[in-house]
């Protein structure tokens, strides 16, 4: 039971910190139905980023998707280092 409570609180803290860091994105957002960004929309945009490790003929190759401009902006606000994101 205590592990469950710990994980729930950890998830809450991560979400709270993400909201805080994404505030500039949400502040320039529209209102109501005109909103471009929601927390779910941010998670959805980031979900397409991938990093893979492949082995070809004994050599390991690391590949990753390149973030687009919106994803780069989100990653910068979250202070996340990702290959291909300045």
PDB file of N, CA and C in Angstrom:
ATOM      1  N   UNK A   1       0.831  -1.199   0.000  1.00  0.00           N
ATOM      2  CA  UNK A   1       0.000   0.000   0.000  1.00  0.00           C
ATOM      3  C   UNK A   1       0.874   1.261   0.000  1.00  0.00           C
ATOM      4  N   UNK A   2       1.949   1.286   0.789  1.00  0.00           N
ATOM      5  CA  UNK A   2       2.775   2.492   0.854  1.00  0.00           C
ATOM      6  C   UNK A   2       3.498   2.740  -0.465  1.00  0.00           C
ATOM      7  N   UNK A   3       3.844   1.674  -1.213  1.00  0.00           N
ATOM      8  CA  UNK A   3       4.480   1.851  -2.524  1.00  0.00           C
ATOM      9  C   UNK A   3       3.500   2.507  -3.489  1.00  0.00           C
ATOM     10  N   UNK A   4       2.249   2.128  -3.412  1.00  0.00           N
ATOM     11  CA  UNK A   4       1.220   2.723  -4.275  1.00  0.00           C
ATOM     12  C   UNK A   4       1.072   4.217  -3.982  1.00  0.00           C
ATOM     13  N   UNK A   5       1.017   4.565  -2.725  1.00  0.00           N
ATOM     14  CA  UNK A   5       0.896   5.975  -2.328  1.00  0.00           C
ATOM     15  C   UNK A   5       2.125   6.753  -2.798  1.00  0.00           C
ATOM     16  N   UNK A   6       3.303   6.168  -2.621  1.00  0.00           N
ATOM     17  CA  UNK A   6       4.534   6.816  -3.067  1.00  0.00           C
ATOM     18  C   UNK A   6       4.494   7.083  -4.569  1.00  0.00           C
ATOM     19  N   UNK A   7       4.112   6.083  -5.371  1.00  0.00           N
ATOM     20  CA  UNK A   7       4.065   6.251  -6.827  1.00  0.00           C
ATOM     21  C   UNK A   7       3.016   7.282  -7.243  1.00  0.00           C
ATOM     22  N   UNK A   8       1.898   7.303  -6.565  1.00  0.00           N
ATOM     23  CA  UNK A   8       0.866   8.306  -6.867  1.00  0.00           C
ATOM     24  C   UNK A   8       1.372   9.714  -6.569  1.00  0.00           C
ATOM     25  N   UNK A   9       2.038   9.885  -5.449  1.00  0.00           N
ATOM     26  CA  UNK A   9       2.577  11.195  -5.095  1.00  0.00           C
ATOM     27  C   UNK A   9       3.688  11.604  -6.048  1.00  0.00           C
ATOM     28  N   UNK A  10       4.533  10.663  -6.447  1.00  0.00           N
ATOM     29  CA  UNK A  10       5.596  10.949  -7.406  1.00  0.00           C
ATOM     30  C   UNK A  10       5.007  11.387  -8.745  1.00  0.00           C
ATOM     31  N   UNK A  11       3.981  10.683  -9.210  1.00  0.00           N
ATOM     32  CA  UNK A  11       3.315  11.056 -10.462  1.00  0.00           C
ATOM     33  C   UNK A  11       2.703  12.450 -10.347  1.00  0.00           C
ATOM     34  N   UNK A  12       2.086  12.745  -9.203  1.00  0.00           N
ATOM     35  CA  UNK A  12       1.509  14.067  -8.984  1.00  0.00           C
ATOM     36  C   UNK A  12       2.587  15.147  -9.031  1.00  0.00           C
ATOM     37  N   UNK A  13       3.723  14.902  -8.380  1.00  0.00           N
ATOM     38  CA  UNK A  13       4.808  15.888  -8.371  1.00  0.00           C
ATOM     39  C   UNK A  13       5.376  16.114  -9.774  1.00  0.00           C
ATOM     40  N   UNK A  14       5.532  15.051 -10.555  1.00  0.00           N
ATOM     41  CA  UNK A  14       6.028  15.189 -11.932  1.00  0.00           C
ATOM     42  C   UNK A  14       5.035  16.003 -12.756  1.00  0.00           C
ATOM     43  N   UNK A  15       3.758  15.689 -12.634  1.00  0.00           N
ATOM     44  CA  UNK A  15       2.744  16.431 -13.386  1.00  0.00           C
ATOM     45  C   UNK A  15       2.701  17.896 -12.954  1.00  0.00           C
ATOM     46  N   UNK A  16       2.777  18.141 -11.674  1.00  0.00           N
ATOM     47  CA  UNK A  16       2.762  19.522 -11.166  1.00  0.00           C
ATOM     48  C   UNK A  16       3.952  20.317 -11.714  1.00  0.00           C
ATOM     49  N   UNK A  17       5.135  19.699 -11.715  1.00  0.00           N
ATOM     50  CA  UNK A  17       6.329  20.367 -12.227  1.00  0.00           C
ATOM     51  C   UNK A  17       6.217  20.616 -13.724  1.00  0.00           C
ATOM     52  N   UNK A  18       5.639  19.670 -14.452  1.00  0.00           N
ATOM     53  CA  UNK A  18       5.433  19.868 -15.895  1.00  0.00           C
ATOM     54  C   UNK A  18       4.488  21.045 -16.141  1.00  0.00           C
ATOM     55  N   UNK A  19       3.382  21.120 -15.395  1.00  0.00           N
ATOM     56  CA  UNK A  19       2.454  22.246 -15.530  1.00  0.00           C
ATOM     57  C   UNK A  19       3.170  23.570 -15.278  1.00  0.00           C
ATOM     58  N   UNK A  20       4.002  23.594 -14.242  1.00  0.00           N
ATOM     59  CA  UNK A  20       4.720  24.825 -13.894  1.00  0.00           C
ATOM     60  C   UNK A  20       5.651  25.247 -15.018  1.00  0.00           C
ATOM     61  N   UNK A  21       6.405  24.300 -15.554  1.00  0.00           N
ATOM     62  CA  UNK A  21       7.357  24.630 -16.614  1.00  0.00           C
ATOM     63  C   UNK A  21       6.677  24.946 -17.945  1.00  0.00           C
ATOM     64  N   UNK A  22       5.505  24.372 -18.169  1.00  0.00           N
ATOM     65  CA  UNK A  22       4.786  24.613 -19.430  1.00  0.00           C
ATOM     66  C   UNK A  22       3.873  25.837 -19.360  1.00  0.00           C
ATOM     67  N   UNK A  23       3.882  26.543 -18.248  1.00  0.00           N
ATOM     68  CA  UNK A  23       3.012  27.712 -18.076  1.00  0.00           C
ATOM     69  C   UNK A  23       3.136  28.724 -19.216  1.00  0.00           C
ATOM     70  N   UNK A  24       4.349  29.036 -19.717  1.00  0.00           N
ATOM     71  CA  UNK A  24       4.425  29.981 -20.837  1.00  0.00           C
ATOM     72  C   UNK A  24       3.677  29.487 -22.089  1.00  0.00           C
ATOM     73  N   UNK A  25       3.699  28.191 -22.321  1.00  0.00           N
ATOM     74  CA  UNK A  25       2.970  27.623 -23.457  1.00  0.00           C
ATOM     75  C   UNK A  25       1.466  27.749 -23.245  1.00  0.00           C
ATOM     76  N   UNK A  26       1.007  27.421 -22.037  1.00  0.00           N
ATOM     77  CA  UNK A  26      -0.417  27.502 -21.737  1.00  0.00           C
ATOM     78  C   UNK A  26      -0.902  28.949 -21.656  1.00  0.00           C
ATOM     79  N   UNK A  27      -0.040  29.880 -21.235  1.00  0.00           N
ATOM     80  CA  UNK A  27      -0.426  31.287 -21.127  1.00  0.00           C
ATOM     81  C   UNK A  27      -0.699  31.921 -22.489  1.00  0.00           C
ATOM     82  N   UNK A  28       0.019  31.498 -23.518  1.00  0.00           N
ATOM     83  CA  UNK A  28      -0.214  32.068 -24.853  1.00  0.00           C
ATOM     84  C   UNK A  28      -1.306  31.314 -25.606  1.00  0.00           C
ATOM     85  N   UNK A  29      -1.926  30.386 -24.922  1.00  0.00           N
ATOM     86  CA  UNK A  29      -2.978  29.558 -25.461  1.00  0.00           C
ATOM     87  C   UNK A  29      -4.296  30.327 -25.542  1.00  0.00           C
ATOM     88  N   UNK A  30      -5.199  29.865 -26.375  1.00  0.00           N
ATOM     89  CA  UNK A  30      -6.538  30.450 -26.434  1.00  0.00           C
ATOM     90  C   UNK A  30      -7.343  30.046 -25.206  1.00  0.00           C
ATOM     91  N   UNK A  31      -8.603  30.379 -25.227  1.00  0.00           N
ATOM     92  CA  UNK A  31      -9.501  30.051 -24.117  1.00  0.00           C
ATOM     93  C   UNK A  31     -10.581  29.087 -24.597  1.00  0.00           C
ATOM     94  N   UNK A  32     -11.043  28.235 -23.704  1.00  0.00           N
ATOM     95  CA  UNK A  32     -12.144  27.328 -24.001  1.00  0.00           C
ATOM     96  C   UNK A  32     -11.857  26.420 -25.187  1.00  0.00           C
ATOM     97  N   UNK A  33     -12.791  26.407 -26.143  1.00  0.00           N
ATOM     98  CA  UNK A  33     -12.662  25.551 -27.327  1.00  0.00           C
ATOM     99  C   UNK A  33     -11.557  26.017 -28.269  1.00  0.00           C
ATOM    100  N   UNK A  34     -11.122  27.264 -28.135  1.00  0.00           N
ATOM    101  CA  UNK A  34     -10.080  27.816 -29.005  1.00  0.00           C
ATOM    102  C   UNK A  34      -8.674  27.464 -28.522  1.00  0.00           C
ATOM    103  N   UNK A  35      -8.573  26.707 -27.437  1.00  0.00           N
ATOM    104  CA  UNK A  35      -7.263  26.354 -26.890  1.00  0.00           C
ATOM    105  C   UNK A  35      -6.537  25.410 -27.841  1.00  0.00           C
ATOM    106  N   UNK A  36      -5.274  25.695 -28.063  1.00  0.00           N
ATOM    107  CA  UNK A  36      -4.432  24.809 -28.859  1.00  0.00           C
ATOM    108  C   UNK A  36      -3.764  23.757 -27.986  1.00  0.00           C
ATOM    109  N   UNK A  37      -3.421  24.146 -26.758  1.00  0.00           N
ATOM    110  CA  UNK A  37      -2.627  23.270 -25.906  1.00  0.00           C
ATOM    111  C   UNK A  37      -3.364  22.875 -24.640  1.00  0.00           C
ATOM    112  N   UNK A  38      -3.360  21.592 -24.379  1.00  0.00           N
ATOM    113  CA  UNK A  38      -3.814  21.034 -23.114  1.00  0.00           C
ATOM    114  C   UNK A  38      -2.685  20.120 -22.632  1.00  0.00           C
ATOM    115  N   UNK A  39      -2.761  19.677 -21.402  1.00  0.00           N
ATOM    116  CA  UNK A  39      -1.743  18.778 -20.898  1.00  0.00           C
ATOM    117  C   UNK A  39      -1.715  17.491 -21.725  1.00  0.00           C
ATOM    118  N   UNK A  40      -2.896  16.972 -22.062  1.00  0.00           N
ATOM    119  CA  UNK A  40      -2.974  15.754 -22.885  1.00  0.00           C
ATOM    120  C   UNK A  40      -2.392  15.988 -24.275  1.00  0.00           C
ATOM    121  N   UNK A  41      -2.621  17.170 -24.840  1.00  0.00           N
ATOM    122  CA  UNK A  41      -2.080  17.477 -26.172  1.00  0.00           C
ATOM    123  C   UNK A  41      -0.550  17.517 -26.136  1.00  0.00           C
ATOM    124  N   UNK A  42       0.009  18.046 -25.071  1.00  0.00           N
ATOM    125  CA  UNK A  42       1.472  18.081 -24.928  1.00  0.00           C
ATOM    126  C   UNK A  42       2.016  16.658 -24.859  1.00  0.00           C
ATOM    127  N   UNK A  43       1.414  15.812 -24.036  1.00  0.00           N
ATOM    128  CA  UNK A  43       1.865  14.425 -23.938  1.00  0.00           C
ATOM    129  C   UNK A  43       1.732  13.707 -25.277  1.00  0.00           C
ATOM    130  N   UNK A  44       0.661  13.983 -25.993  1.00  0.00           N
ATOM    131  CA  UNK A  44       0.448  13.375 -27.305  1.00  0.00           C
ATOM    132  C   UNK A  44       1.532  13.801 -28.293  1.00  0.00           C
ATOM    133  N   UNK A  45       1.892  15.086 -28.304  1.00  0.00           N
ATOM    134  CA  UNK A  45       2.939  15.582 -29.213  1.00  0.00           C
ATOM    135  C   UNK A  45       4.285  14.948 -28.901  1.00  0.00           C
ATOM    136  N   UNK A  46       4.577  14.730 -27.623  1.00  0.00           N
ATOM    137  CA  UNK A  46       5.859  14.142 -27.241  1.00  0.00           C
ATOM    138  C   UNK A  46       5.892  12.630 -27.449  1.00  0.00           C
ATOM    139  N   UNK A  47       4.732  12.005 -27.535  1.00  0.00           N
ATOM    140  CA  UNK A  47       4.683  10.544 -27.622  1.00  0.00           C
ATOM    141  C   UNK A  47       5.259   9.998 -28.923  1.00  0.00           C
ATOM    142  N   UNK A  48       5.389  10.830 -29.933  1.00  0.00           N
ATOM    143  CA  UNK A  48       5.930  10.338 -31.204  1.00  0.00           C
ATOM    144  C   UNK A  48       7.463  10.357 -31.242  1.00  0.00           C
ATOM    145  N   UNK A  49       8.100  10.922 -30.228  1.00  0.00           N
ATOM    146  CA  UNK A  49       9.562  10.918 -30.168  1.00  0.00           C
ATOM    147  C   UNK A  49      10.041   9.528 -29.764  1.00  0.00           C
ATOM    148  N   UNK A  50      10.993   9.027 -30.509  1.00  0.00           N
ATOM    149  CA  UNK A  50      11.491   7.671 -30.261  1.00  0.00           C
ATOM    150  C   UNK A  50      13.012   7.637 -30.278  1.00  0.00           C
ATOM    151  N   UNK A  51      13.561   6.760 -29.469  1.00  0.00           N
ATOM    152  CA  UNK A  51      14.983   6.475 -29.518  1.00  0.00           C
ATOM    153  C   UNK A  51      15.116   4.954 -29.524  1.00  0.00           C
ATOM    154  N   UNK A  52      15.851   4.447 -30.493  1.00  0.00           N
ATOM    155  CA  UNK A  52      15.983   2.999 -30.642  1.00  0.00           C
ATOM    156  C   UNK A  52      17.442   2.596 -30.731  1.00  0.00           C
ATOM    157  N   UNK A  53      17.685   1.381 -30.330  1.00  0.00           N
ATOM    158  CA  UNK A  53      19.015   0.796 -30.433  1.00  0.00           C
ATOM    159  C   UNK A  53      18.884  -0.472 -31.276  1.00  0.00           C
ATOM    160  N   UNK A  54      19.653  -0.542 -32.353  1.00  0.00           N
ATOM    161  CA  UNK A  54      19.610  -1.696 -33.250  1.00  0.00           C
ATOM    162  C   UNK A  54      20.995  -2.283 -33.395  1.00  0.00           C
ATOM    163  N   UNK A  55      21.022  -3.596 -33.557  1.00  0.00           N
ATOM    164  CA  UNK A  55      22.302  -4.259 -33.798  1.00  0.00           C
ATOM    165  C   UNK A  55      22.288  -4.817 -35.217  1.00  0.00           C
ATOM    166  N   UNK A  56      23.260  -4.382 -36.004  1.00  0.00           N
ATOM    167  CA  UNK A  56      23.380  -4.820 -37.394  1.00  0.00           C
ATOM    168  C   UNK A  56      24.797  -5.336 -37.595  1.00  0.00           C
ATOM    169  N   UNK A  57      24.886  -6.597 -37.928  1.00  0.00           N
ATOM    170  CA  UNK A  57      26.179  -7.238 -38.190  1.00  0.00           C
ATOM    171  C   UNK A  57      27.185  -6.977 -37.059  1.00  0.00           C
ATOM    172  N   UNK A  58      26.717  -7.098 -35.832  1.00  0.00           N
ATOM    173  CA  UNK A  58      27.597  -6.938 -34.682  1.00  0.00           C
ATOM    174  C   UNK A  58      27.863  -5.509 -34.252  1.00  0.00           C
ATOM    175  N   UNK A  59      27.288  -4.544 -34.951  1.00  0.00           N
ATOM    176  CA  UNK A  59      27.459  -3.132 -34.600  1.00  0.00           C
ATOM    177  C   UNK A  59      26.145  -2.585 -34.044  1.00  0.00           C
ATOM    178  N   UNK A  60      26.253  -1.844 -32.964  1.00  0.00           N
ATOM    179  CA  UNK A  60      25.076  -1.235 -32.359  1.00  0.00           C
ATOM    180  C   UNK A  60      24.879   0.159 -32.931  1.00  0.00           C
ATOM    181  N   UNK A  61      23.675   0.414 -33.397  1.00  0.00           N
ATOM    182  CA  UNK A  61      23.333   1.715 -33.982  1.00  0.00           C
ATOM    183  C   UNK A  61      22.201   2.330 -33.167  1.00  0.00           C
ATOM    184  N   UNK A  62      22.399   3.584 -32.763  1.00  0.00           N
ATOM    185  CA  UNK A  62      21.372   4.326 -32.030  1.00  0.00           C
ATOM    186  C   UNK A  62      20.698   5.295 -33.003  1.00  0.00           C
ATOM    187  N   UNK A  63      19.381   5.243 -33.048  1.00  0.00           N
ATOM    188  CA  UNK A  63      18.634   6.176 -33.892  1.00  0.00           C
ATOM    189  C   UNK A  63      17.582   6.884 -33.032  1.00  0.00           C
ATOM    190  N   UNK A  64      17.203   8.069 -33.460  1.00  0.00           N
ATOM    191  CA  UNK A  64      16.159   8.810 -32.763  1.00  0.00           C
ATOM    192  C   UNK A  64      15.403   9.673 -33.770  1.00  0.00           C
ATOM    193  N   UNK A  65      14.137   9.935 -33.440  1.00  0.00           N
ATOM    194  CA  UNK A  65      13.354  10.833 -34.276  1.00  0.00           C
ATOM    195  C   UNK A  65      13.794  12.261 -33.998  1.00  0.00           C
ATOM    196  N   UNK A  66      13.686  13.091 -34.997  1.00  0.00           N
ATOM    197  CA  UNK A  66      14.066  14.494 -34.850  1.00  0.00           C
ATOM    198  C   UNK A  66      12.828  15.286 -34.435  1.00  0.00           C
ATOM    199  N   UNK A  67      12.898  16.018 -33.325  1.00  0.00           N
ATOM    200  CA  UNK A  67      11.733  16.782 -32.882  1.00  0.00           C
ATOM    201  C   UNK A  67      11.418  17.928 -33.844  1.00  0.00           C
ATOM    202  N   UNK A  68      10.119  18.152 -34.064  1.00  0.00           N
ATOM    203  CA  UNK A  68       9.725  19.294 -34.880  1.00  0.00           C
ATOM    204  C   UNK A  68       9.757  20.553 -34.010  1.00  0.00           C
ATOM    205  N   UNK A  69       9.361  21.688 -34.563  1.00  0.00           N
ATOM    206  CA  UNK A  69       9.483  22.956 -33.827  1.00  0.00           C
ATOM    207  C   UNK A  69       8.621  22.981 -32.565  1.00  0.00           C
ATOM    208  N   UNK A  70       7.408  22.427 -32.628  1.00  0.00           N
ATOM    209  CA  UNK A  70       6.551  22.402 -31.440  1.00  0.00           C
ATOM    210  C   UNK A  70       7.143  21.499 -30.363  1.00  0.00           C
ATOM    211  N   UNK A  71       7.613  20.331 -30.757  1.00  0.00           N
ATOM    212  CA  UNK A  71       8.211  19.416 -29.799  1.00  0.00           C
ATOM    213  C   UNK A  71       9.473  20.026 -29.185  1.00  0.00           C
ATOM    214  N   UNK A  72      10.273  20.698 -29.997  1.00  0.00           N
ATOM    215  CA  UNK A  72      11.478  21.357 -29.481  1.00  0.00           C
ATOM    216  C   UNK A  72      11.130  22.413 -28.447  1.00  0.00           C
ATOM    217  N   UNK A  73      10.082  23.191 -28.715  1.00  0.00           N
ATOM    218  CA  UNK A  73       9.658  24.214 -27.759  1.00  0.00           C
ATOM    219  C   UNK A  73       9.227  23.583 -26.437  1.00  0.00           C
ATOM    220  N   UNK A  74       8.465  22.503 -26.515  1.00  0.00           N
ATOM    221  CA  UNK A  74       8.010  21.812 -25.311  1.00  0.00           C
ATOM    222  C   UNK A  74       9.201  21.264 -24.533  1.00  0.00           C
ATOM    223  N   UNK A  75      10.130  20.618 -25.229  1.00  0.00           N
ATOM    224  CA  UNK A  75      11.302  20.054 -24.561  1.00  0.00           C
ATOM    225  C   UNK A  75      12.156  21.132 -23.901  1.00  0.00           C
ATOM    226  N   UNK A  76      12.281  22.291 -24.561  1.00  0.00           N
ATOM    227  CA  UNK A  76      13.040  23.395 -23.964  1.00  0.00           C
ATOM    228  C   UNK A  76      12.378  23.887 -22.689  1.00  0.00           C
ATOM    229  N   UNK A  77      11.042  24.030 -22.725  1.00  0.00           N
ATOM    230  CA  UNK A  77      10.327  24.482 -21.531  1.00  0.00           C
ATOM    231  C   UNK A  77      10.462  23.477 -20.387  1.00  0.00           C
ATOM    232  N   UNK A  78      10.494  22.188 -20.726  1.00  0.00           N
ATOM    233  CA  UNK A  78      10.615  21.150 -19.709  1.00  0.00           C
ATOM    234  C   UNK A  78      12.067  20.918 -19.281  1.00  0.00           C
ATOM    235  N   UNK A  79      12.995  21.593 -19.954  1.00  0.00           N
ATOM    236  CA  UNK A  79      14.421  21.465 -19.691  1.00  0.00           C
ATOM    237  C   UNK A  79      14.849  19.990 -19.843  1.00  0.00           C
ATOM    238  N   UNK A  80      14.463  19.433 -20.999  1.00  0.00           N
ATOM    239  CA  UNK A  80      14.809  18.052 -21.327  1.00  0.00           C
ATOM    240  C   UNK A  80      15.799  18.079 -22.482  1.00  0.00           C
ATOM    241  N   UNK A  81      16.930  17.416 -22.310  1.00  0.00           N
ATOM    242  CA  UNK A  81      17.913  17.325 -23.386  1.00  0.00           C
ATOM    243  C   UNK A  81      17.537  16.147 -24.266  1.00  0.00           C
ATOM    244  N   UNK A  82      17.422  16.421 -25.556  1.00  0.00           N
ATOM    245  CA  UNK A  82      17.057  15.381 -26.514  1.00  0.00           C
ATOM    246  C   UNK A  82      17.897  15.588 -27.763  1.00  0.00           C
ATOM    247  N   UNK A  83      18.430  14.523 -28.362  1.00  0.00           N
ATOM    248  CA  UNK A  83      19.248  14.677 -29.566  1.00  0.00           C
ATOM    249  C   UNK A  83      18.473  15.427 -30.660  1.00  0.00           C
ATOM    250  N   UNK A  84      19.142  16.372 -31.286  1.00  0.00           N
ATOM    251  CA  UNK A  84      18.529  17.136 -32.369  1.00  0.00           C
ATOM    252  C   UNK A  84      17.729  18.327 -31.889  1.00  0.00           C
ATOM    253  N   UNK A  85      17.704  18.560 -30.594  1.00  0.00           N
ATOM    254  CA  UNK A  85      16.971  19.688 -30.033  1.00  0.00           C
ATOM    255  C   UNK A  85      17.980  20.645 -29.417  1.00  0.00           C
ATOM    256  N   UNK A  86      18.052  21.850 -29.950  1.00  0.00           N
ATOM    257  CA  UNK A  86      19.035  22.830 -29.465  1.00  0.00           C
ATOM    258  C   UNK A  86      18.636  23.412 -28.138  1.00  0.00           C
TER     259      UNK A  86
END
